[in-house]
Amino acid sequence: MKQEAVFTLTITKINEQLFTGEANAVTVPGSEGVLTVLAHHEPLVSLLKTGTIRVRKGEEITEFPIEKGLLETSYNQVTILV
């Protein structure tokens, strides 16, 4: 069975690290609609609105409710500030 590609994901609040590690996908409430980022995504910056961040690694899904934030992807890394 082929292993799904991963990327490095960091979700940070002021003075608090919510998530750091590898993920297969992250779905966020973008300002223009729901956005899913996979490994090797093109560079992107997006504002985030109220909703839920869903992190998927394998079959495990972890959720983080947010009020607003910022997402940046580059070089197979995703950083989310909330």
N, C-alpha and C. Protein backbone atom coordinates (compact mmCIF):
# COMPACT_ATOMS: atom_id res chain seq x y z
N MET A 1 0.82 -1.18 0.00
CA MET A 1 0.00 0.00 0.00
C MET A 1 0.87 1.25 0.00
N LYS A 2 0.58 2.18 -0.89
CA LYS A 2 1.36 3.40 -1.01
C LYS A 2 1.06 4.34 0.15
N GLN A 3 2.11 4.91 0.73
CA GLN A 3 1.94 5.83 1.85
C GLN A 3 1.61 7.22 1.30
N GLU A 4 0.62 7.88 1.91
CA GLU A 4 0.20 9.21 1.49
C GLU A 4 1.25 10.26 1.88
N ALA A 5 1.46 11.23 1.00
CA ALA A 5 2.45 12.29 1.24
C ALA A 5 2.08 13.12 2.46
N VAL A 6 3.09 13.63 3.15
CA VAL A 6 2.88 14.45 4.34
C VAL A 6 3.57 15.81 4.16
N PHE A 7 3.17 16.74 5.01
CA PHE A 7 3.82 18.04 5.08
C PHE A 7 3.94 18.43 6.55
N THR A 8 4.75 19.43 6.84
CA THR A 8 4.92 19.91 8.20
C THR A 8 3.88 20.98 8.48
N LEU A 9 3.15 20.82 9.57
CA LEU A 9 2.07 21.74 9.94
C LEU A 9 2.32 22.31 11.32
N THR A 10 2.15 23.62 11.44
CA THR A 10 2.23 24.29 12.73
C THR A 10 0.99 25.16 12.88
N ILE A 11 0.27 24.98 13.98
CA ILE A 11 -0.87 25.84 14.31
C ILE A 11 -0.53 26.50 15.64
N THR A 12 -0.48 27.85 15.63
CA THR A 12 -0.01 28.59 16.78
C THR A 12 -0.97 29.70 17.18
N LYS A 13 -1.13 29.85 18.49
CA LYS A 13 -1.83 30.98 19.10
C LYS A 13 -0.75 31.78 19.82
N ILE A 14 -1.05 33.00 20.19
CA ILE A 14 -0.07 33.77 20.96
C ILE A 14 0.27 32.99 22.22
N ASN A 15 1.55 32.72 22.41
CA ASN A 15 2.06 32.01 23.59
C ASN A 15 1.57 30.57 23.73
N GLU A 16 1.05 29.97 22.65
CA GLU A 16 0.57 28.58 22.76
C GLU A 16 0.68 27.87 21.41
N GLN A 17 1.33 26.73 21.42
CA GLN A 17 1.43 25.88 20.23
C GLN A 17 0.28 24.88 20.27
N LEU A 18 -0.66 24.97 19.32
CA LEU A 18 -1.81 24.05 19.32
C LEU A 18 -1.48 22.73 18.64
N PHE A 19 -0.66 22.80 17.57
CA PHE A 19 -0.30 21.59 16.83
C PHE A 19 1.03 21.82 16.14
N THR A 20 1.88 20.83 16.17
CA THR A 20 3.11 20.86 15.38
C THR A 20 3.45 19.42 15.03
N GLY A 21 3.69 19.17 13.75
CA GLY A 21 4.02 17.83 13.32
C GLY A 21 3.65 17.60 11.87
N GLU A 22 3.64 16.34 11.47
CA GLU A 22 3.30 15.99 10.10
C GLU A 22 1.80 15.78 9.95
N ALA A 23 1.29 16.11 8.76
CA ALA A 23 -0.13 15.92 8.46
C ALA A 23 -0.26 15.52 6.99
N ASN A 24 -1.38 14.86 6.66
CA ASN A 24 -1.68 14.52 5.26
C ASN A 24 -2.55 15.58 4.61
N ALA A 25 -3.38 16.27 5.43
CA ALA A 25 -4.27 17.30 4.91
C ALA A 25 -4.69 18.20 6.05
N VAL A 26 -4.97 19.47 5.71
CA VAL A 26 -5.57 20.39 6.66
C VAL A 26 -6.66 21.16 5.91
N THR A 27 -7.84 21.21 6.53
CA THR A 27 -8.97 21.93 5.95
C THR A 27 -9.27 23.11 6.85
N VAL A 28 -9.38 24.30 6.24
CA VAL A 28 -9.54 25.53 7.00
C VAL A 28 -10.71 26.36 6.45
N PRO A 29 -11.30 27.22 7.31
CA PRO A 29 -12.35 28.13 6.84
C PRO A 29 -11.73 29.40 6.25
N GLY A 30 -11.36 29.35 4.99
CA GLY A 30 -10.75 30.50 4.34
C GLY A 30 -11.74 31.65 4.18
N SER A 31 -11.23 32.85 4.00
CA SER A 31 -12.09 34.02 3.88
C SER A 31 -12.99 33.94 2.64
N GLU A 32 -12.58 33.17 1.62
CA GLU A 32 -13.37 33.02 0.40
C GLU A 32 -14.05 31.66 0.30
N GLY A 33 -13.96 30.85 1.36
CA GLY A 33 -14.58 29.53 1.37
C GLY A 33 -13.66 28.50 1.99
N VAL A 34 -14.14 27.29 2.12
CA VAL A 34 -13.38 26.20 2.73
C VAL A 34 -12.23 25.81 1.80
N LEU A 35 -11.05 25.60 2.38
CA LEU A 35 -9.83 25.30 1.63
C LEU A 35 -9.16 24.09 2.25
N THR A 36 -8.77 23.13 1.41
CA THR A 36 -8.01 21.98 1.88
C THR A 36 -6.62 22.03 1.27
N VAL A 37 -5.61 21.89 2.12
CA VAL A 37 -4.21 21.92 1.70
C VAL A 37 -3.65 20.51 1.84
N LEU A 38 -3.00 20.03 0.78
CA LEU A 38 -2.32 18.73 0.77
C LEU A 38 -0.83 18.96 0.64
N ALA A 39 -0.05 17.90 0.72
CA ALA A 39 1.40 18.00 0.58
C ALA A 39 1.77 18.64 -0.76
N HIS A 40 2.84 19.42 -0.75
CA HIS A 40 3.41 20.07 -1.94
C HIS A 40 2.46 21.07 -2.58
N HIS A 41 1.61 21.69 -1.77
CA HIS A 41 0.68 22.73 -2.25
C HIS A 41 1.49 23.93 -2.74
N GLU A 42 0.96 24.61 -3.73
CA GLU A 42 1.58 25.84 -4.22
C GLU A 42 1.63 26.86 -3.08
N PRO A 43 2.61 27.78 -3.10
CA PRO A 43 2.66 28.83 -2.08
C PRO A 43 1.35 29.61 -2.06
N LEU A 44 0.89 29.92 -0.85
CA LEU A 44 -0.41 30.56 -0.68
C LEU A 44 -0.45 31.27 0.66
N VAL A 45 -1.13 32.42 0.68
CA VAL A 45 -1.43 33.11 1.93
C VAL A 45 -2.93 33.37 1.92
N SER A 46 -3.63 33.06 3.02
CA SER A 46 -5.08 33.26 3.08
C SER A 46 -5.50 33.68 4.47
N LEU A 47 -6.43 34.63 4.53
CA LEU A 47 -7.06 34.97 5.80
C LEU A 47 -8.05 33.87 6.14
N LEU A 48 -8.24 33.62 7.43
CA LEU A 48 -9.19 32.61 7.89
C LEU A 48 -10.30 33.29 8.67
N LYS A 49 -11.51 32.72 8.58
CA LYS A 49 -12.65 33.27 9.31
C LYS A 49 -13.11 32.26 10.36
N THR A 50 -14.13 32.61 11.10
CA THR A 50 -14.66 31.75 12.16
C THR A 50 -15.06 30.39 11.59
N GLY A 51 -14.64 29.35 12.28
CA GLY A 51 -14.94 27.99 11.84
C GLY A 51 -14.06 26.99 12.55
N THR A 52 -13.77 25.89 11.87
CA THR A 52 -12.99 24.81 12.46
C THR A 52 -11.86 24.40 11.52
N ILE A 53 -10.65 24.27 12.09
CA ILE A 53 -9.52 23.71 11.36
C ILE A 53 -9.56 22.21 11.59
N ARG A 54 -9.48 21.43 10.51
CA ARG A 54 -9.45 19.97 10.61
C ARG A 54 -8.12 19.45 10.08
N VAL A 55 -7.38 18.79 10.95
CA VAL A 55 -6.08 18.23 10.60
C VAL A 55 -6.24 16.73 10.43
N ARG A 56 -5.79 16.18 9.29
CA ARG A 56 -5.87 14.74 9.07
C ARG A 56 -4.48 14.15 8.94
N LYS A 57 -4.22 13.13 9.75
CA LYS A 57 -2.99 12.34 9.63
C LYS A 57 -3.43 10.89 9.64
N GLY A 58 -3.33 10.25 8.47
CA GLY A 58 -3.85 8.89 8.35
C GLY A 58 -5.35 8.92 8.52
N GLU A 59 -5.86 8.09 9.41
CA GLU A 59 -7.30 8.03 9.67
C GLU A 59 -7.72 8.96 10.81
N GLU A 60 -6.74 9.55 11.50
CA GLU A 60 -7.02 10.39 12.66
C GLU A 60 -7.30 11.83 12.23
N ILE A 61 -8.38 12.42 12.76
CA ILE A 61 -8.72 13.82 12.48
C ILE A 61 -8.78 14.57 13.80
N THR A 62 -8.07 15.71 13.85
CA THR A 62 -8.07 16.57 15.02
C THR A 62 -8.67 17.91 14.62
N GLU A 63 -9.55 18.46 15.46
CA GLU A 63 -10.23 19.70 15.13
C GLU A 63 -9.87 20.81 16.12
N PHE A 64 -9.77 22.03 15.57
CA PHE A 64 -9.48 23.22 16.37
C PHE A 64 -10.46 24.32 15.97
N PRO A 65 -11.38 24.72 16.86
CA PRO A 65 -12.27 25.84 16.53
C PRO A 65 -11.48 27.15 16.57
N ILE A 66 -11.77 28.05 15.61
CA ILE A 66 -11.07 29.33 15.57
C ILE A 66 -12.08 30.46 15.32
N GLU A 67 -11.64 31.68 15.64
CA GLU A 67 -12.45 32.86 15.35
C GLU A 67 -11.93 33.56 14.11
N LYS A 68 -10.61 33.58 13.93
CA LYS A 68 -9.99 34.16 12.75
C LYS A 68 -8.53 33.74 12.74
N GLY A 69 -7.85 33.99 11.62
CA GLY A 69 -6.45 33.63 11.56
C GLY A 69 -5.84 33.90 10.20
N LEU A 70 -4.65 33.34 10.00
CA LEU A 70 -3.88 33.51 8.78
C LEU A 70 -3.19 32.19 8.47
N LEU A 71 -3.24 31.77 7.21
CA LEU A 71 -2.59 30.54 6.77
C LEU A 71 -1.54 30.89 5.73
N GLU A 72 -0.37 30.26 5.82
CA GLU A 72 0.68 30.42 4.81
C GLU A 72 1.22 29.04 4.46
N THR A 73 1.36 28.76 3.16
CA THR A 73 2.00 27.53 2.71
C THR A 73 3.20 27.87 1.86
N SER A 74 4.30 27.15 2.05
CA SER A 74 5.48 27.27 1.21
C SER A 74 6.44 26.14 1.55
N TYR A 75 7.11 25.63 0.54
CA TYR A 75 8.14 24.59 0.72
C TYR A 75 7.67 23.40 1.55
N ASN A 76 6.45 22.93 1.27
CA ASN A 76 5.86 21.77 1.95
C ASN A 76 5.70 21.98 3.45
N GLN A 77 5.50 23.24 3.84
CA GLN A 77 5.22 23.59 5.22
C GLN A 77 3.98 24.46 5.25
N VAL A 78 3.13 24.26 6.25
CA VAL A 78 1.94 25.07 6.42
C VAL A 78 2.01 25.65 7.84
N THR A 79 1.84 26.97 7.91
CA THR A 79 1.82 27.67 9.20
C THR A 79 0.48 28.37 9.32
N ILE A 80 -0.19 28.15 10.44
CA ILE A 80 -1.46 28.81 10.71
C ILE A 80 -1.34 29.57 12.03
N LEU A 81 -1.65 30.86 11.97
CA LEU A 81 -1.66 31.71 13.16
C LEU A 81 -3.10 32.02 13.48
N VAL A 82 -3.52 31.74 14.73
CA VAL A 82 -4.91 32.01 15.11
C VAL A 82 -4.97 32.85 16.38
